[in-house]
């Protein structure tokens, strides 16, 4: 999802923890029960399906939002 802008001050007050990941880290795998929404603050995140990159996300983009539904 590509929002026009995200207010990180508002997000930080919502109680979420800030986390950092290194290149190659797996944040979660398809099929795992999700409980969190993720916002890319810096860098990029590659979304892979069956070993193929289907999307790259950058700053202010979100993923994992379906866990909140």
C-alpha atoms as a PDB file:
ATOM      1  CA  UNK A   1       0.000   0.000   0.000  1.00  0.00           C
ATOM      2  CA  UNK A   2       1.402   3.401  -0.932  1.00  0.00           C
ATOM      3  CA  UNK A   3       0.072   6.179   1.286  1.00  0.00           C
ATOM      4  CA  UNK A   4       0.922   9.767   0.453  1.00  0.00           C
ATOM      5  CA  UNK A   5       2.476  10.288   3.881  1.00  0.00           C
ATOM      6  CA  UNK A   6       2.586   8.726   7.316  1.00  0.00           C
ATOM      7  CA  UNK A   7       2.817  10.718  10.520  1.00  0.00           C
ATOM      8  CA  UNK A   8       5.427   8.746  12.475  1.00  0.00           C
ATOM      9  CA  UNK A   9       4.757  10.881  15.575  1.00  0.00           C
ATOM     10  CA  UNK A  10       1.162   9.609  15.641  1.00  0.00           C
ATOM     11  CA  UNK A  11       2.292   6.016  15.118  1.00  0.00           C
ATOM     12  CA  UNK A  12       4.821   6.222  17.928  1.00  0.00           C
ATOM     13  CA  UNK A  13       2.108   7.372  20.340  1.00  0.00           C
ATOM     14  CA  UNK A  14      -0.071   4.414  19.322  1.00  0.00           C
ATOM     15  CA  UNK A  15       2.171   2.148  21.389  1.00  0.00           C
ATOM     16  CA  UNK A  16       3.936   0.131  18.700  1.00  0.00           C
ATOM     17  CA  UNK A  17       7.541  -0.896  19.103  1.00  0.00           C
ATOM     18  CA  UNK A  18      10.151   0.283  16.622  1.00  0.00           C
ATOM     19  CA  UNK A  19      12.130  -2.616  15.211  1.00  0.00           C
ATOM     20  CA  UNK A  20      15.110  -2.889  12.921  1.00  0.00           C
ATOM     21  CA  UNK A  21      15.904  -5.694  10.521  1.00  0.00           C
ATOM     22  CA  UNK A  22      19.055  -6.555   8.630  1.00  0.00           C
ATOM     23  CA  UNK A  23      19.254  -7.410   4.936  1.00  0.00           C
ATOM     24  CA  UNK A  24      18.037 -10.975   4.440  1.00  0.00           C
ATOM     25  CA  UNK A  25      16.015 -11.145   7.673  1.00  0.00           C
ATOM     26  CA  UNK A  26      12.595 -12.777   7.353  1.00  0.00           C
ATOM     27  CA  UNK A  27       9.943 -10.649   9.041  1.00  0.00           C
ATOM     28  CA  UNK A  28       7.179 -13.223   8.626  1.00  0.00           C
ATOM     29  CA  UNK A  29       6.251 -16.070   6.295  1.00  0.00           C
ATOM     30  CA  UNK A  30       3.090 -16.686   4.297  1.00  0.00           C
ATOM     31  CA  UNK A  31       0.597 -18.681   6.308  1.00  0.00           C
ATOM     32  CA  UNK A  32       1.794 -17.511   9.725  1.00  0.00           C
ATOM     33  CA  UNK A  33      -0.836 -15.919  11.928  1.00  0.00           C
ATOM     34  CA  UNK A  34      -0.236 -12.185  11.802  1.00  0.00           C
ATOM     35  CA  UNK A  35      -0.876  -9.733  14.611  1.00  0.00           C
ATOM     36  CA  UNK A  36       0.902  -6.583  13.444  1.00  0.00           C
ATOM     37  CA  UNK A  37       0.980  -3.894  10.817  1.00  0.00           C
ATOM     38  CA  UNK A  38       4.442  -2.895   9.596  1.00  0.00           C
ATOM     39  CA  UNK A  39       5.557   0.486   8.257  1.00  0.00           C
ATOM     40  CA  UNK A  40       8.805   0.807   6.314  1.00  0.00           C
ATOM     41  CA  UNK A  41      10.597   3.777   7.828  1.00  0.00           C
ATOM     42  CA  UNK A  42      13.955   3.484   6.020  1.00  0.00           C
ATOM     43  CA  UNK A  43      15.338   1.124   3.421  1.00  0.00           C
ATOM     44  CA  UNK A  44      13.351  -1.414   1.436  1.00  0.00           C
ATOM     45  CA  UNK A  45      11.447  -4.630   2.051  1.00  0.00           C
ATOM     46  CA  UNK A  46      11.190  -7.348  -0.595  1.00  0.00           C
ATOM     47  CA  UNK A  47       7.909  -9.262  -0.622  1.00  0.00           C
ATOM     48  CA  UNK A  48       8.522 -12.807  -1.839  1.00  0.00           C
ATOM     49  CA  UNK A  49       6.040 -15.461  -2.899  1.00  0.00           C
ATOM     50  CA  UNK A  50       7.468 -18.953  -3.470  1.00  0.00           C
ATOM     51  CA  UNK A  51      10.957 -17.510  -3.752  1.00  0.00           C
ATOM     52  CA  UNK A  52      10.045 -14.822  -6.309  1.00  0.00           C
ATOM     53  CA  UNK A  53      10.089 -11.127  -5.439  1.00  0.00           C
ATOM     54  CA  UNK A  54       6.635  -9.791  -6.276  1.00  0.00           C
ATOM     55  CA  UNK A  55       7.011  -6.323  -4.800  1.00  0.00           C
ATOM     56  CA  UNK A  56       9.543  -4.015  -3.165  1.00  0.00           C
ATOM     57  CA  UNK A  57       8.335  -1.584  -0.534  1.00  0.00           C
ATOM     58  CA  UNK A  58      10.087   1.614   0.487  1.00  0.00           C
ATOM     59  CA  UNK A  59       9.760   4.373   3.088  1.00  0.00           C
ATOM     60  CA  UNK A  60       6.202   5.114   4.298  1.00  0.00           C
ATOM     61  CA  UNK A  61       4.797   1.967   2.691  1.00  0.00           C
ATOM     62  CA  UNK A  62       2.964  -0.597   4.827  1.00  0.00           C
ATOM     63  CA  UNK A  63       2.447  -4.347   4.887  1.00  0.00           C
ATOM     64  CA  UNK A  64       0.857  -6.879   7.211  1.00  0.00           C
ATOM     65  CA  UNK A  65      -2.310  -4.805   7.372  1.00  0.00           C
ATOM     66  CA  UNK A  66      -4.534  -7.850   6.818  1.00  0.00           C
ATOM     67  CA  UNK A  67      -3.505  -9.067  10.288  1.00  0.00           C
ATOM     68  CA  UNK A  68      -5.607  -6.255  11.721  1.00  0.00           C
ATOM     69  CA  UNK A  69      -8.806  -7.275   9.911  1.00  0.00           C
END
